């Protein structure tokens, strides 16, 4: 490995493999919730139309976007353990309630509202894991830079894997037993795995300002949180909105295409292919990082989102969709990992949890925009106009990266 970097084996040995495994699995309910809600509300049992399904999935994403920075700020202040435990218990219970409401024959606005409540409490396990890796790096200063680079690549790849496995699990359950079991399973997983992650010993590494006695030190002018919205945080947050819109529009377009083909349950499995390519590219990123700076990577992978999305406009059957989604995914995780790395450099002291969850929130916000817009276009003209949103967003991400990447990636605000 190049000097200053760490291998995945070394990285995993620092917190222990239990942390790595639980952190990977505990984020699946978040990945299952949005497509699960889309399929549930779109099903004949609830509304029978894709438009309400896309709107409901957008409501879940908006709720995630609202709740994530709120709870992220609480973890900065009070630490992760208690905050994540409360989120996991409430969020898991409400996901189960969403499925049971549909089973009881509730109208689609009621089911969507329950999904939105669940979304507000869903914990951002991946971003909280990144905060813990940052603390682990601080405890190992000799290899801190390598820990951050490799752990952010790992977390980005695992995020993508979760957004492959989560929708795939929802899709399989929908094919076998309908859309309701997917949300019930997601809720049960969150109750167990989210709570386990919350109380993992690594949570002690991020106790929060309040538990560190910040009040006393603040009077001495130390440990006072700096500004939240630095230039780098603002730019990367906008970039994450675009990434979320890519995910939302692709998922909606794929659902439309699968529904058009008479196989709506396959939507999750096909959307998972986007994450397969993304996860593979993300795992390889640490080696590439030694040859390309953050600014170059940001521009390169933003352009990849635009260029690799164009073939979606030519797809009218499920078969040819598979390789297109895999190739498009190869730009997604590296793009997100780069944004998280830039944001970490730009974050003010004492704001890292808020900043990491803010990026996750803007991703969810973009997903809400993407599913809502693409859902309306899909109801009007099928999958092609929905995929047109994906192409347009890729172009917008490139136009953002060209002027700002070097300025915000090369300095700490």
Protein backbone atom coordinates (compact mmCIF):
# COMPACT_ATOMS: atom_id res chain seq x y z
CA UNK A 1 0.00 0.00 0.00
CA UNK A 2 1.28 3.52 -0.63
CA UNK A 3 2.82 5.45 2.24
CA UNK A 4 0.28 7.00 4.58
CA UNK A 5 -2.53 4.66 3.56
CA UNK A 6 -3.95 1.73 5.50
CA UNK A 7 -5.32 -1.56 4.26
CA UNK A 8 -8.88 -2.64 4.92
CA UNK A 9 -7.53 -5.39 7.21
CA UNK A 10 -5.72 -2.82 9.34
CA UNK A 11 -8.72 -0.51 9.32
CA UNK A 12 -11.13 -3.18 10.53
CA UNK A 13 -8.79 -4.26 13.32
CA UNK A 14 -8.98 -0.84 14.99
CA UNK A 15 -12.63 -0.87 16.18
CA UNK A 16 -13.15 -4.63 15.80
CA UNK A 17 -15.12 -6.58 13.21
CA UNK A 18 -18.32 -6.54 15.27
CA UNK A 19 -18.56 -2.78 14.80
CA UNK A 20 -17.85 -3.08 11.08
CA UNK A 21 -20.48 -5.80 10.61
CA UNK A 22 -23.22 -4.20 12.70
CA UNK A 23 -22.62 -0.78 11.11
CA UNK A 24 -22.97 -2.35 7.66
CA UNK A 25 -26.19 -4.23 8.41
CA UNK A 26 -27.87 -1.55 10.53
CA UNK A 27 -28.16 0.84 7.58
CA UNK A 28 -30.28 -1.58 5.52
CA UNK A 29 -33.63 -0.39 6.97
CA UNK A 30 -32.95 3.12 5.69
CA UNK A 31 -32.28 1.71 2.23
CA UNK A 32 -35.43 -0.42 2.38
CA UNK A 33 -37.77 2.30 3.59
CA UNK A 34 -38.03 4.47 0.48
CA UNK A 35 -38.53 1.80 -2.17
CA UNK A 36 -40.66 -0.16 0.29
CA UNK A 37 -42.96 2.84 0.67
CA UNK A 38 -43.02 3.47 -3.08
CA UNK A 39 -44.03 -0.13 -3.83
CA UNK A 40 -46.52 -0.25 -0.96
CA UNK A 41 -48.38 2.94 -1.85
CA UNK A 42 -48.26 2.14 -5.58
CA UNK A 43 -49.72 -1.33 -5.04
CA UNK A 44 -53.37 -2.08 -5.85
CA UNK A 45 -53.91 -2.72 -2.15
CA UNK A 46 -53.26 0.97 -1.36
CA UNK A 47 -53.50 3.37 -4.35
CA UNK A 48 -52.73 1.41 -7.53
CA UNK A 49 -50.86 4.35 -9.10
CA UNK A 50 -47.18 5.24 -9.39
CA UNK A 51 -47.75 8.98 -8.83
CA UNK A 52 -48.93 8.60 -5.20
CA UNK A 53 -46.19 6.03 -4.66
CA UNK A 54 -43.50 8.44 -5.82
CA UNK A 55 -45.02 11.21 -3.71
CA UNK A 56 -45.08 8.95 -0.64
CA UNK A 57 -41.46 7.90 -1.16
CA UNK A 58 -40.62 11.59 -1.53
CA UNK A 59 -42.36 12.29 1.78
CA UNK A 60 -40.19 9.67 3.46
CA UNK A 61 -37.08 11.23 1.93
CA UNK A 62 -38.13 14.75 2.98
CA UNK A 63 -38.71 13.50 6.51
CA UNK A 64 -35.25 11.91 6.51
CA UNK A 65 -33.82 15.20 5.25
CA UNK A 66 -35.54 17.10 8.07
CA UNK A 67 -34.66 14.66 10.82
CA UNK A 68 -31.06 13.87 9.91
CA UNK A 69 -29.40 17.24 10.67
CA UNK A 70 -31.63 17.68 13.73
CA UNK A 71 -30.50 14.40 15.25
CA UNK A 72 -26.96 14.95 13.96
CA UNK A 73 -26.78 18.18 15.94
CA UNK A 74 -28.05 16.31 19.00
CA UNK A 75 -25.25 13.75 18.64
CA UNK A 76 -22.70 16.57 18.48
CA UNK A 77 -24.10 17.93 21.72
CA UNK A 78 -25.08 14.80 23.68
CA UNK A 79 -23.18 11.99 21.96
CA UNK A 80 -24.38 9.19 19.71
CA UNK A 81 -25.41 6.46 22.13
CA UNK A 82 -28.68 7.81 23.55
CA UNK A 83 -29.74 9.70 20.42
CA UNK A 84 -29.28 6.73 18.08
CA UNK A 85 -30.96 4.37 20.52
CA UNK A 86 -34.08 6.55 20.65
CA UNK A 87 -34.10 6.88 16.84
CA UNK A 88 -33.75 3.13 16.31
CA UNK A 89 -36.52 2.16 18.72
CA UNK A 90 -39.03 4.73 17.49
CA UNK A 91 -38.11 4.49 13.81
CA UNK A 92 -38.29 0.68 13.83
CA UNK A 93 -41.67 0.66 15.55
CA UNK A 94 -43.14 3.18 13.10
CA UNK A 95 -41.89 1.26 10.04
CA UNK A 96 -43.73 -1.78 11.33
CA UNK A 97 -46.81 0.39 11.92
CA UNK A 98 -46.68 1.58 8.29
CA UNK A 99 -46.94 -1.96 7.01
CA UNK A 100 -49.68 -2.84 9.48
CA UNK A 101 -51.67 0.28 8.49
CA UNK A 102 -51.70 -0.85 4.86
CA UNK A 103 -52.69 -4.34 5.97
CA UNK A 104 -55.63 -2.80 7.88
CA UNK A 105 -56.81 -1.02 4.72
CA UNK A 106 -55.71 2.54 5.51
CA UNK A 107 -55.86 5.10 2.68
CA UNK A 108 -52.64 5.99 0.88
CA UNK A 109 -52.26 9.45 2.50
CA UNK A 110 -52.40 7.81 5.93
CA UNK A 111 -49.84 5.18 4.95
CA UNK A 112 -47.62 7.88 3.43
CA UNK A 113 -47.89 10.01 6.58
CA UNK A 114 -46.82 7.09 8.77
CA UNK A 115 -43.91 6.49 6.40
CA UNK A 116 -42.93 10.13 6.74
CA UNK A 117 -42.95 9.84 10.54
CA UNK A 118 -40.72 6.79 10.31
CA UNK A 119 -38.38 8.66 7.97
CA UNK A 120 -37.95 11.50 10.46
CA UNK A 121 -36.60 9.09 13.08
CA UNK A 122 -34.51 6.83 10.81
CA UNK A 123 -30.87 7.03 12.00
CA UNK A 124 -28.09 7.78 9.54
CA UNK A 125 -25.90 4.85 10.49
CA UNK A 126 -23.40 5.40 7.68
CA UNK A 127 -22.75 9.03 8.55
CA UNK A 128 -22.52 8.26 12.26
CA UNK A 129 -20.00 5.53 11.46
CA UNK A 130 -17.93 8.10 9.54
CA UNK A 131 -17.88 10.32 12.63
CA UNK A 132 -16.63 7.39 14.70
CA UNK A 133 -13.93 6.59 12.13
CA UNK A 134 -12.81 10.21 12.37
CA UNK A 135 -12.46 9.79 16.14
CA UNK A 136 -10.57 6.52 15.62
CA UNK A 137 -8.22 8.38 13.27
CA UNK A 138 -7.62 11.06 15.89
CA UNK A 139 -6.57 8.32 18.33
CA UNK A 140 -4.04 7.02 15.78
CA UNK A 141 -2.34 10.21 14.52
CA UNK A 142 0.50 8.38 12.75
CA UNK A 143 -1.95 6.86 10.25
CA UNK A 144 -4.88 9.28 10.63
CA UNK A 145 -4.90 10.39 6.97
CA UNK A 146 -4.93 6.79 5.77
CA UNK A 147 -7.70 5.86 8.20
CA UNK A 148 -9.89 8.68 6.92
CA UNK A 149 -9.28 7.92 3.24
CA UNK A 150 -9.84 4.19 3.54
CA UNK A 151 -12.74 4.37 6.00
CA UNK A 152 -14.62 6.94 3.89
CA UNK A 153 -14.14 4.71 0.85
CA UNK A 154 -15.37 1.71 2.85
CA UNK A 155 -18.41 3.56 4.18
CA UNK A 156 -19.27 4.86 0.73
CA UNK A 157 -19.06 1.35 -0.70
CA UNK A 158 -21.14 -0.10 2.14
CA UNK A 159 -23.72 2.64 1.70
CA UNK A 160 -23.99 1.62 -1.93
CA UNK A 161 -24.12 -2.06 -1.04
CA UNK A 162 -26.95 -1.31 1.37
CA UNK A 163 -28.81 0.49 -1.40
CA UNK A 164 -28.33 -2.63 -3.50
CA UNK A 165 -29.29 -5.19 -0.88
CA UNK A 166 -32.07 -3.11 0.70
CA UNK A 167 -34.11 -2.57 -2.48
CA UNK A 168 -33.28 -6.11 -3.61
CA UNK A 169 -34.66 -7.50 -0.35
CA UNK A 170 -37.78 -5.37 -0.69
CA UNK A 171 -38.17 -6.50 -4.29
CA UNK A 172 -37.79 -10.20 -3.42
CA UNK A 173 -40.29 -9.91 -0.58
CA UNK A 174 -42.68 -8.02 -2.87
CA UNK A 175 -42.48 -10.79 -5.47
CA UNK A 176 -42.95 -13.54 -2.89
CA UNK A 177 -45.43 -12.00 -0.47
CA UNK A 178 -46.38 -8.48 -1.56
CA UNK A 179 -45.04 -5.08 -0.47
CA UNK A 180 -46.09 -5.15 3.20
CA UNK A 181 -43.52 -7.62 4.64
CA UNK A 182 -40.59 -5.51 3.39
CA UNK A 183 -41.41 -2.63 5.74
CA UNK A 184 -42.13 -4.92 8.67
CA UNK A 185 -38.80 -6.68 8.21
CA UNK A 186 -37.04 -3.30 7.90
CA UNK A 187 -38.60 -2.14 11.16
CA UNK A 188 -37.58 -5.29 13.01
CA UNK A 189 -34.01 -4.99 11.71
CA UNK A 190 -33.79 -1.40 12.86
CA UNK A 191 -35.05 -2.26 16.33
CA UNK A 192 -32.29 -4.84 16.77
CA UNK A 193 -29.33 -3.68 14.67
CA UNK A 194 -29.80 0.07 15.09
CA UNK A 195 -29.91 -0.34 18.86
CA UNK A 196 -26.84 -2.58 18.73
CA UNK A 197 -24.90 0.04 16.76
CA UNK A 198 -26.04 2.75 19.19
CA UNK A 199 -24.54 0.98 22.24
CA UNK A 200 -21.40 -0.36 20.54
CA UNK A 201 -18.27 0.57 22.58
CA UNK A 202 -17.09 2.87 19.77
CA UNK A 203 -19.91 5.27 20.73
CA UNK A 204 -17.75 6.30 23.69
CA UNK A 205 -15.31 7.90 21.24
CA UNK A 206 -17.91 10.55 20.35
CA UNK A 207 -19.44 11.54 23.69
CA UNK A 208 -20.65 14.98 22.59
CA UNK A 209 -19.77 18.47 23.78
CA UNK A 210 -22.22 18.43 26.68
CA UNK A 211 -20.72 15.27 28.15
CA UNK A 212 -17.23 16.69 27.79
CA UNK A 213 -18.11 19.65 29.98
CA UNK A 214 -18.23 22.14 27.11
CA UNK A 215 -19.92 24.82 29.16
CA UNK A 216 -16.86 25.34 31.34
CA UNK A 217 -14.39 25.30 28.49
CA UNK A 218 -16.55 27.57 26.34
CA UNK A 219 -16.03 30.32 28.86
CA UNK A 220 -12.33 29.98 28.24
CA UNK A 221 -12.90 30.38 24.50
CA UNK A 222 -12.23 26.78 23.57
CA UNK A 223 -14.30 24.06 21.88
CA UNK A 224 -16.91 26.56 20.73
CA UNK A 225 -18.44 25.20 17.51
CA UNK A 226 -17.54 27.21 14.43
CA UNK A 227 -19.93 28.13 11.63
CA UNK A 228 -21.92 25.29 10.11
CA UNK A 229 -22.29 26.59 6.55
CA UNK A 230 -18.74 26.97 5.34
CA UNK A 231 -18.14 27.28 1.60
CA UNK A 232 -17.15 23.63 1.34
CA UNK A 233 -20.18 22.43 3.29
CA UNK A 234 -22.56 24.46 1.12
CA UNK A 235 -21.01 23.25 -2.15
CA UNK A 236 -20.91 19.59 -1.13
CA UNK A 237 -24.50 19.78 0.17
CA UNK A 238 -25.69 21.00 -3.23
CA UNK A 239 -23.68 18.22 -4.84
CA UNK A 240 -25.45 15.72 -2.59
CA UNK A 241 -28.85 17.08 -3.65
CA UNK A 242 -27.90 16.20 -7.22
CA UNK A 243 -26.76 12.72 -6.15
CA UNK A 244 -30.07 12.11 -4.40
CA UNK A 245 -31.96 13.22 -7.50
CA UNK A 246 -30.00 10.71 -9.55
CA UNK A 247 -30.99 7.91 -7.17
CA UNK A 248 -34.61 9.00 -6.97
CA UNK A 249 -35.12 9.46 -10.70
CA UNK A 250 -33.37 6.18 -11.59
CA UNK A 251 -35.41 4.28 -9.02
CA UNK A 252 -38.67 5.79 -10.27
CA UNK A 253 -37.78 5.30 -13.94
CA UNK A 254 -36.81 1.70 -13.27
CA UNK A 255 -40.05 1.10 -11.35
CA UNK A 256 -41.98 2.55 -14.29
CA UNK A 257 -40.13 0.33 -16.78
CA UNK A 258 -40.62 -2.77 -14.64
CA UNK A 259 -44.31 -1.96 -14.18
CA UNK A 260 -44.65 -1.40 -17.92
CA UNK A 261 -43.14 -4.87 -18.42
CA UNK A 262 -45.64 -6.38 -15.99
CA UNK A 263 -42.96 -7.13 -13.34
CA UNK A 264 -43.07 -4.29 -10.78
CA UNK A 265 -41.49 -6.46 -8.10
CA UNK A 266 -38.26 -6.57 -10.15
CA UNK A 267 -37.72 -2.83 -9.74
CA UNK A 268 -35.74 -3.27 -6.55
CA UNK A 269 -33.53 -5.95 -8.05
CA UNK A 270 -32.71 -3.82 -11.09
CA UNK A 271 -32.15 -0.69 -9.05
CA UNK A 272 -29.72 -2.72 -6.95
CA UNK A 273 -27.49 -3.04 -10.02
CA UNK A 274 -26.79 0.70 -9.78
CA UNK A 275 -25.32 0.09 -6.35
CA UNK A 276 -23.34 -2.97 -7.43
CA UNK A 277 -21.20 -0.92 -9.79
CA UNK A 278 -21.06 1.91 -7.28
CA UNK A 279 -19.86 -0.26 -4.39
CA UNK A 280 -17.17 -1.90 -6.51
CA UNK A 281 -15.83 1.48 -7.66
CA UNK A 282 -15.98 2.84 -4.12
CA UNK A 283 -13.85 0.04 -2.71
CA UNK A 284 -11.18 0.71 -5.33
CA UNK A 285 -11.11 4.44 -4.69
CA UNK A 286 -8.30 4.56 -2.05
CA UNK A 287 -5.76 3.46 -4.66
CA UNK A 288 -7.04 5.98 -7.19
CA UNK A 289 -6.96 8.70 -4.52
CA UNK A 290 -3.17 8.64 -4.50
CA UNK A 291 -3.11 9.68 -8.16
CA UNK A 292 -5.97 12.17 -8.31
CA UNK A 293 -6.68 15.09 -5.99
CA UNK A 294 -10.09 15.75 -4.50
CA UNK A 295 -10.90 18.53 -6.97
CA UNK A 296 -10.06 16.35 -9.99
CA UNK A 297 -12.04 13.44 -8.58
CA UNK A 298 -15.06 15.65 -7.96
CA UNK A 299 -15.08 16.91 -11.54
CA UNK A 300 -14.33 13.50 -13.05
CA UNK A 301 -17.09 11.60 -11.28
CA UNK A 302 -19.64 14.39 -11.71
CA UNK A 303 -19.00 14.21 -15.44
CA UNK A 304 -19.34 10.43 -15.19
CA UNK A 305 -22.84 10.81 -13.78
CA UNK A 306 -23.84 12.87 -16.80
CA UNK A 307 -22.19 10.77 -19.51
CA UNK A 308 -23.12 7.35 -18.11
CA UNK A 309 -26.78 8.36 -17.68
CA UNK A 310 -27.34 9.14 -21.37
CA UNK A 311 -27.89 5.48 -22.44
CA UNK A 312 -30.89 5.34 -20.09
CA UNK A 313 -32.78 7.41 -22.65
CA UNK A 314 -32.41 4.59 -25.18
CA UNK A 315 -33.58 1.74 -22.93
CA UNK A 316 -37.12 0.44 -23.47
CA UNK A 317 -36.76 -3.10 -22.07
CA UNK A 318 -35.49 -4.54 -18.78
CA UNK A 319 -32.73 -6.66 -20.34
CA UNK A 320 -30.53 -3.85 -21.73
CA UNK A 321 -31.08 -1.83 -18.54
CA UNK A 322 -28.78 -4.02 -16.43
CA UNK A 323 -25.36 -3.05 -17.88
CA UNK A 324 -26.38 0.61 -18.13
CA UNK A 325 -27.20 0.76 -14.41
CA UNK A 326 -23.97 -1.01 -13.42
CA UNK A 327 -21.86 1.42 -15.45
CA UNK A 328 -23.73 4.47 -14.15
CA UNK A 329 -23.16 3.20 -10.62
CA UNK A 330 -19.40 3.27 -11.12
CA UNK A 331 -19.53 7.06 -10.89
CA UNK A 332 -21.93 7.26 -7.94
CA UNK A 333 -20.00 6.04 -4.87
CA UNK A 334 -16.71 7.75 -5.85
CA UNK A 335 -18.66 10.98 -6.35
CA UNK A 336 -20.28 10.71 -2.90
CA UNK A 337 -17.07 9.63 -1.16
CA UNK A 338 -15.30 12.64 -2.65
CA UNK A 339 -18.03 14.97 -1.40
CA UNK A 340 -17.85 13.50 2.12
CA UNK A 341 -14.06 13.94 2.09
CA UNK A 342 -14.34 17.57 1.01
CA UNK A 343 -17.01 18.22 3.64
CA UNK A 344 -14.85 16.63 6.35
CA UNK A 345 -12.01 18.97 5.43
CA UNK A 346 -14.38 21.95 5.45
CA UNK A 347 -16.29 21.20 8.66
CA UNK A 348 -15.77 23.46 11.65
CA UNK A 349 -14.62 21.88 14.94
CA UNK A 350 -17.54 20.53 16.92
CA UNK A 351 -19.79 20.38 13.87
CA UNK A 352 -18.68 17.15 12.24
CA UNK A 353 -21.76 15.11 13.19
CA UNK A 354 -24.06 17.85 11.98
CA UNK A 355 -22.15 18.24 8.72
CA UNK A 356 -22.09 14.51 7.96
CA UNK A 357 -25.82 14.16 8.60
CA UNK A 358 -26.48 17.36 6.66
CA UNK A 359 -24.95 15.73 3.59
CA UNK A 360 -27.09 12.66 4.14
CA UNK A 361 -30.11 14.92 4.56
CA UNK A 362 -29.49 16.79 1.33
CA UNK A 363 -29.07 13.44 -0.41
CA UNK A 364 -32.52 12.47 0.87
CA UNK A 365 -33.87 15.86 -0.13
CA UNK A 366 -32.59 15.29 -3.65
CA UNK A 367 -34.14 11.83 -3.64
CA UNK A 368 -37.48 13.42 -2.73
CA UNK A 369 -37.18 15.91 -5.59
CA UNK A 370 -36.08 13.15 -7.97
CA UNK A 371 -38.85 10.69 -7.13
CA UNK A 372 -41.57 13.35 -7.14
CA UNK A 373 -40.54 14.91 -10.46
CA UNK A 374 -39.73 11.60 -12.14
CA UNK A 375 -42.94 10.04 -10.80
CA UNK A 376 -45.07 12.73 -12.41
CA UNK A 377 -43.17 12.44 -15.68
CA UNK A 378 -43.43 8.65 -15.59
CA UNK A 379 -47.21 8.84 -15.15
CA UNK A 380 -47.26 11.16 -18.16
CA UNK A 381 -44.82 9.50 -20.53
CA UNK A 382 -43.33 6.35 -19.03
CA UNK A 383 -39.72 5.63 -18.03
CA UNK A 384 -37.89 7.71 -20.66
CA UNK A 385 -38.88 11.17 -19.34
CA UNK A 386 -38.17 9.92 -15.81
CA UNK A 387 -34.66 8.95 -16.91
CA UNK A 388 -34.38 12.35 -18.57
CA UNK A 389 -34.32 13.80 -15.05
CA UNK A 390 -31.25 11.63 -14.35
CA UNK A 391 -29.38 12.98 -17.36
CA UNK A 392 -30.26 16.60 -16.56
CA UNK A 393 -29.12 16.22 -12.96
CA UNK A 394 -25.81 14.71 -14.07
CA UNK A 395 -25.21 17.77 -16.25
CA UNK A 396 -26.08 20.06 -13.33
CA UNK A 397 -23.64 18.20 -11.05
CA UNK A 398 -20.89 18.70 -13.62
CA UNK A 399 -21.65 22.42 -13.97
CA UNK A 400 -21.40 22.75 -10.18
CA UNK A 401 -18.10 20.88 -9.93
CA UNK A 402 -16.25 22.76 -12.67
CA UNK A 403 -16.05 26.19 -10.96
CA UNK A 404 -16.03 25.27 -7.25
CA UNK A 405 -14.20 21.97 -6.84
CA UNK A 406 -10.64 23.26 -6.68
CA UNK A 407 -11.46 26.22 -4.45
CA UNK A 408 -13.28 24.27 -1.73
CA UNK A 409 -11.35 20.99 -1.96
CA UNK A 410 -7.89 22.46 -1.49
CA UNK A 411 -8.46 24.47 1.69
CA UNK A 412 -9.90 24.04 5.14
CA UNK A 413 -12.50 26.73 5.77
